Each structure stands twice: as C-alpha cells, then as structure tokens.
Amino acid sequence: MAKKEKNKKDNSDLKWFITVFVTTFILSIVFSYISTNAISALELFPAILILIITIFVGIIFDIIGVAVTVANEEELHAKASKKIQGAKTSIKLIRNSAKVANICADVIGDICGVLSGSISALVTFKITEKFGLTFDLQFIISAIVASLTVGGKAIGKGIAQRNSTKIVHMVGMVIGKTTFQEK
C-alpha cells in the first residue's frame, strides 16, 4: 500500500514538474518575444517605464509567494464562515501553498528577472545611442536592476511575513472576482 502511495506521489511530482516546465518555457518565449520587439520600437522613457514595471511585478509576485506560505488559514476560516468574498479562494491558495509559491515566486518572478535583464540591455542600447556614450553602460544598468530587484524582494519578504493573511485574502478576492469562483 505504501509503495502505491509513493508511486502516486512521484507521478504527481513529475506531472507538476512537466506542467511548470512547459508553462515557464511557453511564457518565457512569449514574454521575451513581445518585450524585445515592443521595447526596441519604443522611445527611451516608455522603455524605462516598462523595465520598472517588470521589476515591480516580479517583486509583487514574490511577496504573494512568501505570503501564501506563512498565512494563517484559521483567520480565513472565520471570514469564510461569514461569507466574506475571497476567503474560500484564499484557503485554497494556502492549502496549495507550495504550488502557488512556486508559480508566483519562481515561474513569474524568474521570468520577470530574465525579462528585466533583456529589457535593461535594450534600455542601455537606447541610452548609449541617444546620448552618444562611448563607455559600456550595461554594467551599471545591470547592477541597478539587480539591486532594485533583490532589494525590493528583501523588503517585500518582510511585508509578506507581517501581512501574510491580508495579502492572501486580497489575492483570493481578486481571483474570486476574475474567475467568478465564489458566491
């Protein structure tokens, strides 16, 4: 009996790996293609704005990934019993916290990290071209992007730990409204 359960768990883990792998691969190609082509056609300011938004999205999803792993399910049960919108979805998020954290922090967060790297290269090219710079600005831009990303995620982790249940509930409400899951 235990061997069957272990095989079932192994198959479930393999299915999850394949799902995450394929999803990440497809999303990376799509977002990289779109961002590279879109950014190269933009002026400098909008390109920088998209770079900042990409960094911010990565930080936000990292916050959600941390929050879902430490949130208090009991508080949400009380809200669900009062039929507060988003509570049931939030409980599902917490019960699937490993997968939710993987999707938010790893899949989306890492894709944003890769995108911000490629976007920063395009922004560097635009800056160098616009101002006629002769030195390699990429090292400085890359360092700024990395610092903003890592620093933002460091601050975000503290925010996620202190406000985890509120954050998960907000995410549950958004998911509930956009998917019409809860009534």
N, C-alpha and C. Protein backbone atom coordinates (compact mmCIF):
# COMPACT_ATOMS: atom_id res chain seq x y z
N MET A 1 0.83 -1.19 0.00
CA MET A 1 0.00 0.00 0.00
C MET A 1 0.87 1.26 0.00
N ALA A 2 1.90 1.29 0.83
CA ALA A 2 2.77 2.46 0.92
C ALA A 2 3.51 2.69 -0.39
N LYS A 3 3.85 1.59 -1.09
CA LYS A 3 4.56 1.72 -2.36
C LYS A 3 3.68 2.38 -3.41
N LYS A 4 2.37 2.04 -3.42
CA LYS A 4 1.43 2.67 -4.36
C LYS A 4 1.32 4.16 -4.08
N GLU A 5 1.24 4.54 -2.81
CA GLU A 5 1.14 5.96 -2.46
C GLU A 5 2.40 6.71 -2.85
N LYS A 6 3.57 6.07 -2.68
CA LYS A 6 4.83 6.71 -3.06
C LYS A 6 4.88 6.90 -4.58
N ASN A 7 4.46 5.87 -5.33
CA ASN A 7 4.42 5.98 -6.79
C ASN A 7 3.45 7.07 -7.24
N LYS A 8 2.30 7.16 -6.57
CA LYS A 8 1.31 8.19 -6.89
C LYS A 8 1.90 9.58 -6.63
N LYS A 9 2.62 9.72 -5.51
CA LYS A 9 3.26 11.00 -5.16
C LYS A 9 4.34 11.33 -6.18
N ASP A 10 5.15 10.33 -6.56
CA ASP A 10 6.19 10.54 -7.56
C ASP A 10 5.59 10.97 -8.89
N ASN A 11 4.49 10.32 -9.31
CA ASN A 11 3.82 10.70 -10.55
C ASN A 11 3.26 12.11 -10.47
N SER A 12 2.70 12.47 -9.31
CA SER A 12 2.16 13.81 -9.11
C SER A 12 3.28 14.85 -9.20
N ASP A 13 4.42 14.56 -8.59
CA ASP A 13 5.57 15.47 -8.66
C ASP A 13 6.08 15.61 -10.08
N LEU A 14 6.12 14.51 -10.81
CA LEU A 14 6.58 14.54 -12.19
C LEU A 14 5.61 15.35 -13.06
N LYS A 15 4.31 15.15 -12.86
CA LYS A 15 3.31 15.92 -13.61
C LYS A 15 3.46 17.41 -13.31
N TRP A 16 3.67 17.74 -12.03
CA TRP A 16 3.85 19.14 -11.64
C TRP A 16 5.09 19.72 -12.30
N PHE A 17 6.19 18.97 -12.29
CA PHE A 17 7.43 19.43 -12.93
C PHE A 17 7.19 19.71 -14.41
N ILE A 18 6.55 18.77 -15.09
CA ILE A 18 6.29 18.93 -16.53
C ILE A 18 5.40 20.14 -16.77
N THR A 19 4.37 20.30 -15.96
CA THR A 19 3.47 21.44 -16.10
C THR A 19 4.21 22.76 -15.92
N VAL A 20 5.01 22.84 -14.87
CA VAL A 20 5.77 24.07 -14.60
C VAL A 20 6.79 24.32 -15.70
N PHE A 21 7.47 23.27 -16.11
CA PHE A 21 8.48 23.40 -17.16
C PHE A 21 7.87 23.94 -18.45
N VAL A 22 6.80 23.31 -18.90
CA VAL A 22 6.16 23.71 -20.17
C VAL A 22 5.58 25.12 -20.06
N THR A 23 4.91 25.40 -18.95
CA THR A 23 4.32 26.72 -18.75
C THR A 23 5.39 27.80 -18.75
N THR A 24 6.46 27.57 -18.01
CA THR A 24 7.55 28.54 -17.94
C THR A 24 8.18 28.73 -19.31
N PHE A 25 8.41 27.66 -20.01
CA PHE A 25 9.02 27.72 -21.34
C PHE A 25 8.18 28.56 -22.28
N ILE A 26 6.89 28.27 -22.32
CA ILE A 26 5.99 29.00 -23.23
C ILE A 26 5.88 30.47 -22.84
N LEU A 27 5.66 30.73 -21.54
CA LEU A 27 5.54 32.12 -21.09
C LEU A 27 6.83 32.89 -21.35
N SER A 28 7.97 32.26 -21.13
CA SER A 28 9.25 32.94 -21.37
C SER A 28 9.41 33.32 -22.82
N ILE A 29 9.08 32.40 -23.71
CA ILE A 29 9.19 32.71 -25.14
C ILE A 29 8.25 33.85 -25.51
N VAL A 30 7.00 33.74 -25.09
CA VAL A 30 6.00 34.75 -25.45
C VAL A 30 6.40 36.12 -24.90
N PHE A 31 6.69 36.19 -23.59
CA PHE A 31 7.02 37.48 -23.00
C PHE A 31 8.34 38.04 -23.51
N SER A 32 9.31 37.19 -23.73
CA SER A 32 10.59 37.66 -24.27
C SER A 32 10.42 38.22 -25.67
N TYR A 33 9.66 37.52 -26.49
CA TYR A 33 9.42 37.96 -27.86
C TYR A 33 8.68 39.29 -27.87
N ILE A 34 7.60 39.35 -27.09
CA ILE A 34 6.80 40.57 -27.06
C ILE A 34 7.61 41.74 -26.51
N SER A 35 8.28 41.51 -25.38
CA SER A 35 9.00 42.62 -24.75
C SER A 35 10.17 43.08 -25.62
N THR A 36 10.90 42.15 -26.20
CA THR A 36 12.04 42.54 -27.03
C THR A 36 11.58 43.34 -28.24
N ASN A 37 10.56 42.86 -28.91
CA ASN A 37 10.07 43.57 -30.09
C ASN A 37 9.39 44.88 -29.71
N ALA A 38 8.62 44.87 -28.63
CA ALA A 38 7.93 46.09 -28.21
C ALA A 38 8.91 47.13 -27.70
N ILE A 39 9.86 46.72 -26.89
CA ILE A 39 10.82 47.67 -26.31
C ILE A 39 11.70 48.29 -27.40
N SER A 40 12.13 47.49 -28.35
CA SER A 40 13.00 48.04 -29.39
C SER A 40 12.29 49.10 -30.23
N ALA A 41 10.97 49.06 -30.27
CA ALA A 41 10.22 50.04 -31.05
C ALA A 41 9.86 51.29 -30.23
N LEU A 42 10.09 51.26 -28.93
CA LEU A 42 9.70 52.38 -28.06
C LEU A 42 10.81 53.40 -27.90
N GLU A 43 10.39 54.58 -27.49
CA GLU A 43 11.35 55.60 -27.10
C GLU A 43 11.95 55.24 -25.74
N LEU A 44 12.93 55.98 -25.28
CA LEU A 44 13.67 55.66 -24.06
C LEU A 44 12.78 55.67 -22.81
N PHE A 45 11.99 56.72 -22.60
CA PHE A 45 11.20 56.81 -21.37
C PHE A 45 10.20 55.67 -21.21
N PRO A 46 9.39 55.35 -22.24
CA PRO A 46 8.48 54.22 -22.09
C PRO A 46 9.22 52.89 -21.86
N ALA A 47 10.38 52.75 -22.47
CA ALA A 47 11.17 51.52 -22.28
C ALA A 47 11.62 51.41 -20.82
N ILE A 48 12.06 52.52 -20.25
CA ILE A 48 12.47 52.53 -18.84
C ILE A 48 11.26 52.24 -17.95
N LEU A 49 10.12 52.81 -18.28
CA LEU A 49 8.89 52.57 -17.51
C LEU A 49 8.52 51.09 -17.53
N ILE A 50 8.61 50.46 -18.67
CA ILE A 50 8.30 49.02 -18.77
C ILE A 50 9.31 48.21 -17.96
N LEU A 51 10.56 48.61 -17.97
CA LEU A 51 11.58 47.93 -17.15
C LEU A 51 11.22 48.02 -15.67
N ILE A 52 10.83 49.19 -15.21
CA ILE A 52 10.45 49.38 -13.80
C ILE A 52 9.21 48.55 -13.47
N ILE A 53 8.24 48.54 -14.35
CA ILE A 53 7.02 47.75 -14.13
C ILE A 53 7.37 46.26 -14.05
N THR A 54 8.24 45.79 -14.91
CA THR A 54 8.65 44.38 -14.90
C THR A 54 9.31 44.02 -13.57
N ILE A 55 10.19 44.89 -13.09
CA ILE A 55 10.84 44.66 -11.78
C ILE A 55 9.78 44.62 -10.69
N PHE A 56 8.87 45.58 -10.72
CA PHE A 56 7.81 45.68 -9.71
C PHE A 56 6.91 44.44 -9.71
N VAL A 57 6.54 43.95 -10.89
CA VAL A 57 5.70 42.75 -10.99
C VAL A 57 6.42 41.56 -10.36
N GLY A 58 7.72 41.42 -10.63
CA GLY A 58 8.49 40.34 -10.03
C GLY A 58 8.49 40.42 -8.51
N ILE A 59 8.62 41.62 -7.97
CA ILE A 59 8.62 41.82 -6.52
C ILE A 59 7.25 41.50 -5.94
N ILE A 60 6.18 41.97 -6.57
CA ILE A 60 4.82 41.72 -6.09
C ILE A 60 4.53 40.21 -6.04
N PHE A 61 4.88 39.50 -7.09
CA PHE A 61 4.61 38.07 -7.10
C PHE A 61 5.49 37.31 -6.11
N ASP A 62 6.67 37.82 -5.84
CA ASP A 62 7.50 37.23 -4.79
C ASP A 62 6.83 37.42 -3.43
N ILE A 63 6.27 38.60 -3.20
CA ILE A 63 5.54 38.88 -1.95
C ILE A 63 4.37 37.90 -1.80
N ILE A 64 3.62 37.70 -2.87
CA ILE A 64 2.49 36.77 -2.82
C ILE A 64 2.99 35.35 -2.52
N GLY A 65 4.08 34.95 -3.17
CA GLY A 65 4.64 33.62 -2.94
C GLY A 65 5.05 33.39 -1.50
N VAL A 66 5.64 34.39 -0.87
CA VAL A 66 6.02 34.27 0.54
C VAL A 66 4.78 34.30 1.42
N ALA A 67 3.88 35.21 1.15
CA ALA A 67 2.68 35.38 1.99
C ALA A 67 1.85 34.10 2.06
N VAL A 68 1.70 33.44 0.94
CA VAL A 68 0.85 32.24 0.90
C VAL A 68 1.46 31.10 1.73
N THR A 69 2.76 31.11 1.91
CA THR A 69 3.39 30.04 2.70
C THR A 69 3.32 30.28 4.20
N VAL A 70 3.07 31.51 4.61
CA VAL A 70 3.04 31.80 6.06
C VAL A 70 1.70 32.32 6.56
N ALA A 71 0.72 32.44 5.69
CA ALA A 71 -0.58 32.99 6.08
C ALA A 71 -1.30 32.07 7.07
N ASN A 72 -2.19 32.68 7.85
CA ASN A 72 -2.94 31.97 8.88
C ASN A 72 -4.29 31.52 8.32
N GLU A 73 -4.41 30.22 8.10
CA GLU A 73 -5.63 29.68 7.50
C GLU A 73 -6.84 29.87 8.41
N GLU A 74 -6.63 29.80 9.73
CA GLU A 74 -7.74 29.90 10.68
C GLU A 74 -8.47 31.24 10.56
N GLU A 75 -7.72 32.32 10.38
CA GLU A 75 -8.37 33.63 10.22
C GLU A 75 -9.29 33.64 8.99
N LEU A 76 -8.87 32.95 7.96
CA LEU A 76 -9.66 32.92 6.74
C LEU A 76 -10.88 32.02 6.89
N HIS A 77 -10.79 30.99 7.75
CA HIS A 77 -11.96 30.16 8.01
C HIS A 77 -13.06 31.00 8.66
N ALA A 78 -12.66 31.88 9.57
CA ALA A 78 -13.64 32.76 10.21
C ALA A 78 -14.30 33.67 9.18
N LYS A 79 -13.51 34.19 8.25
CA LYS A 79 -14.06 35.04 7.20
C LYS A 79 -14.95 34.25 6.26
N ALA A 80 -14.54 33.01 5.96
CA ALA A 80 -15.34 32.17 5.05
C ALA A 80 -16.69 31.83 5.69
N SER A 81 -16.69 31.61 7.00
CA SER A 81 -17.96 31.29 7.67
C SER A 81 -18.91 32.48 7.65
N LYS A 82 -18.36 33.69 7.54
CA LYS A 82 -19.18 34.90 7.44
C LYS A 82 -19.45 35.26 5.97
N LYS A 83 -19.04 34.36 5.07
CA LYS A 83 -19.25 34.52 3.62
C LYS A 83 -18.58 35.79 3.07
N ILE A 84 -17.41 36.12 3.61
CA ILE A 84 -16.65 37.27 3.12
C ILE A 84 -15.96 36.87 1.82
N GLN A 85 -16.15 37.71 0.81
CA GLN A 85 -15.63 37.41 -0.51
C GLN A 85 -14.12 37.16 -0.48
N GLY A 86 -13.70 36.13 -1.21
CA GLY A 86 -12.29 35.82 -1.35
C GLY A 86 -11.74 34.87 -0.31
N ALA A 87 -12.48 34.64 0.77
CA ALA A 87 -11.97 33.81 1.86
C ALA A 87 -11.80 32.35 1.44
N LYS A 88 -12.79 31.79 0.76
CA LYS A 88 -12.68 30.39 0.33
C LYS A 88 -11.53 30.19 -0.65
N THR A 89 -11.39 31.10 -1.57
CA THR A 89 -10.29 31.02 -2.53
C THR A 89 -8.95 31.16 -1.81
N SER A 90 -8.90 32.03 -0.82
CA SER A 90 -7.67 32.23 -0.05
C SER A 90 -7.27 30.95 0.68
N ILE A 91 -8.24 30.25 1.22
CA ILE A 91 -7.97 28.98 1.90
C ILE A 91 -7.40 27.97 0.91
N LYS A 92 -7.95 27.92 -0.30
CA LYS A 92 -7.42 27.03 -1.33
C LYS A 92 -5.97 27.40 -1.68
N LEU A 93 -5.69 28.70 -1.73
CA LEU A 93 -4.33 29.14 -2.01
C LEU A 93 -3.37 28.65 -0.93
N ILE A 94 -3.76 28.79 0.33
CA ILE A 94 -2.91 28.36 1.44
C ILE A 94 -2.72 26.85 1.41
N ARG A 95 -3.77 26.13 1.14
CA ARG A 95 -3.68 24.66 1.12
C ARG A 95 -2.81 24.16 -0.04
N ASN A 96 -2.65 24.98 -1.04
CA ASN A 96 -1.77 24.65 -2.17
C ASN A 96 -0.55 25.58 -2.20
N SER A 97 -0.10 25.96 -1.02
CA SER A 97 0.93 26.99 -0.91
C SER A 97 2.22 26.66 -1.64
N ALA A 98 2.64 25.40 -1.65
CA ALA A 98 3.89 25.06 -2.34
C ALA A 98 3.78 25.35 -3.83
N LYS A 99 2.66 24.97 -4.43
CA LYS A 99 2.47 25.20 -5.86
C LYS A 99 2.25 26.68 -6.15
N VAL A 100 1.48 27.34 -5.31
CA VAL A 100 1.22 28.77 -5.51
C VAL A 100 2.53 29.56 -5.38
N ALA A 101 3.31 29.24 -4.36
CA ALA A 101 4.60 29.92 -4.17
C ALA A 101 5.52 29.65 -5.34
N ASN A 102 5.52 28.42 -5.84
CA ASN A 102 6.35 28.07 -6.99
C ASN A 102 5.95 28.88 -8.22
N ILE A 103 4.66 28.97 -8.48
CA ILE A 103 4.19 29.75 -9.64
C ILE A 103 4.51 31.23 -9.47
N CYS A 104 4.19 31.77 -8.30
CA CYS A 104 4.38 33.22 -8.09
C CYS A 104 5.86 33.60 -8.02
N ALA A 105 6.58 32.99 -7.10
CA ALA A 105 7.96 33.41 -6.86
C ALA A 105 8.93 32.87 -7.92
N ASP A 106 8.71 31.63 -8.34
CA ASP A 106 9.67 31.04 -9.26
C ASP A 106 9.30 31.28 -10.72
N VAL A 107 8.12 30.85 -11.13
CA VAL A 107 7.76 30.98 -12.54
C VAL A 107 7.67 32.47 -12.92
N ILE A 108 6.75 33.18 -12.31
CA ILE A 108 6.55 34.58 -12.68
C ILE A 108 7.73 35.45 -12.25
N GLY A 109 8.20 35.24 -11.02
CA GLY A 109 9.33 36.03 -10.52
C GLY A 109 10.59 35.85 -11.36
N ASP A 110 10.90 34.60 -11.71
CA ASP A 110 12.10 34.36 -12.51
C ASP A 110 11.95 34.85 -13.93
N ILE A 111 10.76 34.71 -14.50
CA ILE A 111 10.54 35.25 -15.84
C ILE A 111 10.73 36.77 -15.82
N CYS A 112 10.21 37.43 -14.80
CA CYS A 112 10.40 38.89 -14.68
C CYS A 112 11.89 39.23 -14.55
N GLY A 113 12.62 38.39 -13.83
CA GLY A 113 14.06 38.61 -13.69
C GLY A 113 14.78 38.51 -15.02
N VAL A 114 14.46 37.50 -15.79
CA VAL A 114 15.07 37.33 -17.11
C VAL A 114 14.65 38.47 -18.03
N LEU A 115 13.37 38.80 -18.01
CA LEU A 115 12.89 39.91 -18.85
C LEU A 115 13.55 41.23 -18.49
N SER A 116 13.67 41.49 -17.19
CA SER A 116 14.29 42.76 -16.80
C SER A 116 15.74 42.82 -17.26
N GLY A 117 16.41 41.67 -17.31
CA GLY A 117 17.78 41.64 -17.84
C GLY A 117 17.83 41.98 -19.32
N SER A 118 16.94 41.37 -20.09
CA SER A 118 16.94 41.66 -21.53
C SER A 118 16.44 43.07 -21.81
N ILE A 119 15.45 43.52 -21.05
CA ILE A 119 14.96 44.89 -21.25
C ILE A 119 16.04 45.90 -20.87
N SER A 120 16.78 45.61 -19.79
CA SER A 120 17.85 46.54 -19.39
C SER A 120 18.92 46.65 -20.47
N ALA A 121 19.19 45.56 -21.19
CA ALA A 121 20.15 45.61 -22.30
C ALA A 121 19.63 46.53 -23.41
N LEU A 122 18.35 46.42 -23.71
CA LEU A 122 17.77 47.28 -24.74
C LEU A 122 17.74 48.74 -24.30
N VAL A 123 17.43 48.97 -23.01
CA VAL A 123 17.43 50.33 -22.47
C VAL A 123 18.85 50.91 -22.52
N THR A 124 19.82 50.10 -22.17
CA THR A 124 21.22 50.54 -22.23
C THR A 124 21.60 50.95 -23.65
N PHE A 125 21.20 50.15 -24.61
CA PHE A 125 21.47 50.47 -26.01
C PHE A 125 20.82 51.80 -26.40
N LYS A 126 19.58 51.99 -25.96
CA LYS A 126 18.86 53.23 -26.28
C LYS A 126 19.55 54.45 -25.64
N ILE A 127 19.98 54.30 -24.37
CA ILE A 127 20.66 55.40 -23.68
C ILE A 127 21.98 55.72 -24.39
N THR A 128 22.75 54.68 -24.68
CA THR A 128 24.04 54.86 -25.34
C THR A 128 23.87 55.53 -26.70
N GLU A 129 22.86 55.08 -27.44
CA GLU A 129 22.59 55.65 -28.76
C GLU A 129 22.11 57.09 -28.67
N LYS A 130 21.20 57.36 -27.74
CA LYS A 130 20.60 58.69 -27.63
C LYS A 130 21.61 59.75 -27.19
N PHE A 131 22.48 59.37 -26.25
CA PHE A 131 23.43 60.35 -25.70
C PHE A 131 24.83 60.20 -26.27
N GLY A 132 25.02 59.28 -27.21
CA GLY A 132 26.33 59.12 -27.85
C GLY A 132 27.42 58.70 -26.89
N LEU A 133 27.11 57.86 -25.93
CA LEU A 133 28.10 57.41 -24.95
C LEU A 133 29.04 56.38 -25.56
N THR A 134 30.29 56.45 -25.14
CA THR A 134 31.28 55.52 -25.69
C THR A 134 31.70 54.45 -24.68
N PHE A 135 31.29 54.57 -23.43
CA PHE A 135 31.65 53.54 -22.45
C PHE A 135 30.50 52.56 -22.27
N ASP A 136 30.83 51.38 -21.74
CA ASP A 136 29.84 50.32 -21.59
C ASP A 136 28.98 50.57 -20.35
N LEU A 137 27.79 51.04 -20.58
CA LEU A 137 26.85 51.39 -19.52
C LEU A 137 26.11 50.16 -18.98
N GLN A 138 26.18 49.04 -19.70
CA GLN A 138 25.42 47.84 -19.33
C GLN A 138 25.73 47.36 -17.92
N PHE A 139 26.99 47.46 -17.50
CA PHE A 139 27.36 47.01 -16.15
C PHE A 139 26.61 47.80 -15.08
N ILE A 140 26.52 49.10 -15.28
CA ILE A 140 25.85 49.96 -14.31
C ILE A 140 24.34 49.71 -14.32
N ILE A 141 23.74 49.65 -15.49
CA ILE A 141 22.30 49.41 -15.60
C ILE A 141 21.95 48.03 -15.03
N SER A 142 22.74 47.02 -15.34
CA SER A 142 22.50 45.68 -14.80
C SER A 142 22.60 45.68 -13.28
N ALA A 143 23.56 46.39 -12.75
CA ALA A 143 23.73 46.46 -11.29
C ALA A 143 22.55 47.17 -10.64
N ILE A 144 22.06 48.22 -11.27
CA ILE A 144 20.89 48.94 -10.74
C ILE A 144 19.66 48.03 -10.76
N VAL A 145 19.44 47.34 -11.88
CA VAL A 145 18.29 46.44 -11.99
C VAL A 145 18.38 45.32 -10.95
N ALA A 146 19.56 44.72 -10.82
CA ALA A 146 19.73 43.65 -9.83
C ALA A 146 19.51 44.17 -8.42
N SER A 147 20.03 45.34 -8.11
CA SER A 147 19.87 45.93 -6.78
C SER A 147 18.42 46.25 -6.47
N LEU A 148 17.71 46.82 -7.44
CA LEU A 148 16.29 47.11 -7.25
C LEU A 148 15.49 45.83 -7.04
N THR A 149 15.80 44.81 -7.82
CA THR A 149 15.08 43.54 -7.72
C THR A 149 15.35 42.86 -6.37
N VAL A 150 16.61 42.69 -6.03
CA VAL A 150 16.96 41.99 -4.78
C VAL A 150 16.53 42.82 -3.57
N GLY A 151 16.78 44.13 -3.61
CA GLY A 151 16.37 44.99 -2.50
C GLY A 151 14.86 45.02 -2.33
N GLY A 152 14.15 45.11 -3.46
CA GLY A 152 12.69 45.11 -3.41
C GLY A 152 12.14 43.81 -2.86
N LYS A 153 12.73 42.70 -3.27
CA LYS A 153 12.28 41.40 -2.75
C LYS A 153 12.62 41.24 -1.27
N ALA A 154 13.74 41.79 -0.84
CA ALA A 154 14.10 41.73 0.58
C ALA A 154 13.09 42.49 1.43
N ILE A 155 12.74 43.68 1.00
CA ILE A 155 11.71 44.45 1.72
C ILE A 155 10.36 43.74 1.62
N GLY A 156 10.06 43.22 0.44
CA GLY A 156 8.80 42.53 0.21
C GLY A 156 8.61 41.30 1.09
N LYS A 157 9.67 40.58 1.35
CA LYS A 157 9.55 39.40 2.21
C LYS A 157 9.12 39.78 3.62
N GLY A 158 9.65 40.87 4.15
CA GLY A 158 9.22 41.35 5.46
C GLY A 158 7.76 41.77 5.45
N ILE A 159 7.37 42.47 4.41
CA ILE A 159 5.97 42.90 4.27
C ILE A 159 5.08 41.67 4.19
N ALA A 160 5.50 40.67 3.42
CA ALA A 160 4.71 39.45 3.25
C ALA A 160 4.56 38.70 4.57
N GLN A 161 5.61 38.64 5.35
CA GLN A 161 5.53 37.93 6.63
C GLN A 161 4.63 38.66 7.63
N ARG A 162 4.71 39.97 7.66
CA ARG A 162 3.91 40.74 8.62
C ARG A 162 2.44 40.83 8.23
N ASN A 163 2.14 40.76 6.94
CA ASN A 163 0.78 40.96 6.44
C ASN A 163 0.28 39.79 5.60
N SER A 164 0.78 38.60 5.87
CA SER A 164 0.53 37.45 5.00
C SER A 164 -0.95 37.15 4.80
N THR A 165 -1.71 37.11 5.88
CA THR A 165 -3.12 36.74 5.75
C THR A 165 -3.89 37.80 4.96
N LYS A 166 -3.59 39.07 5.19
CA LYS A 166 -4.24 40.14 4.44
C LYS A 166 -3.90 40.06 2.96
N ILE A 167 -2.62 39.80 2.67
CA ILE A 167 -2.18 39.71 1.28
C ILE A 167 -2.86 38.55 0.58
N VAL A 168 -2.88 37.38 1.23
CA VAL A 168 -3.51 36.21 0.62
C VAL A 168 -5.01 36.46 0.42
N HIS A 169 -5.63 37.13 1.39
CA HIS A 169 -7.06 37.42 1.24
C HIS A 169 -7.30 38.37 0.06
N MET A 170 -6.45 39.37 -0.09
CA MET A 170 -6.59 40.28 -1.24
C MET A 170 -6.44 39.52 -2.56
N VAL A 171 -5.46 38.62 -2.61
CA VAL A 171 -5.27 37.82 -3.82
C VAL A 171 -6.49 36.92 -4.04
N GLY A 172 -7.01 36.33 -2.97
CA GLY A 172 -8.20 35.50 -3.06
C GLY A 172 -9.40 36.28 -3.59
N MET A 173 -9.53 37.53 -3.15
CA MET A 173 -10.64 38.37 -3.64
C MET A 173 -10.47 38.66 -5.13
N VAL A 174 -9.25 38.98 -5.55
CA VAL A 174 -9.00 39.27 -6.97
C VAL A 174 -9.29 38.02 -7.81
N ILE A 175 -8.79 36.88 -7.37
CA ILE A 175 -9.04 35.64 -8.13
C ILE A 175 -10.54 35.34 -8.14
N GLY A 176 -11.18 35.50 -6.99
CA GLY A 176 -12.62 35.25 -6.90
C GLY A 176 -13.41 36.14 -7.84
N LYS A 177 -13.02 37.41 -7.96
CA LYS A 177 -13.74 38.33 -8.85
C LYS A 177 -13.47 38.05 -10.31
N THR A 178 -12.23 37.66 -10.61
CA THR A 178 -11.89 37.47 -12.03
C THR A 178 -12.29 36.11 -12.56
N THR A 179 -12.49 35.13 -11.67
CA THR A 179 -12.85 33.80 -12.15
C THR A 179 -14.28 33.42 -11.77
N PHE A 180 -14.94 34.26 -11.04
CA PHE A 180 -16.30 34.01 -10.58
C PHE A 180 -16.41 32.70 -9.81
N GLN A 181 -15.34 32.39 -9.04
CA GLN A 181 -15.32 31.15 -8.28
C GLN A 181 -16.26 31.17 -7.09
N GLU A 182 -16.24 32.28 -6.35
CA GLU A 182 -17.01 32.35 -5.11
C GLU A 182 -18.31 33.09 -5.32
N LYS A 183 -19.22 32.76 -4.47
CA LYS A 183 -20.51 33.48 -4.48
C LYS A 183 -20.79 33.97 -3.09
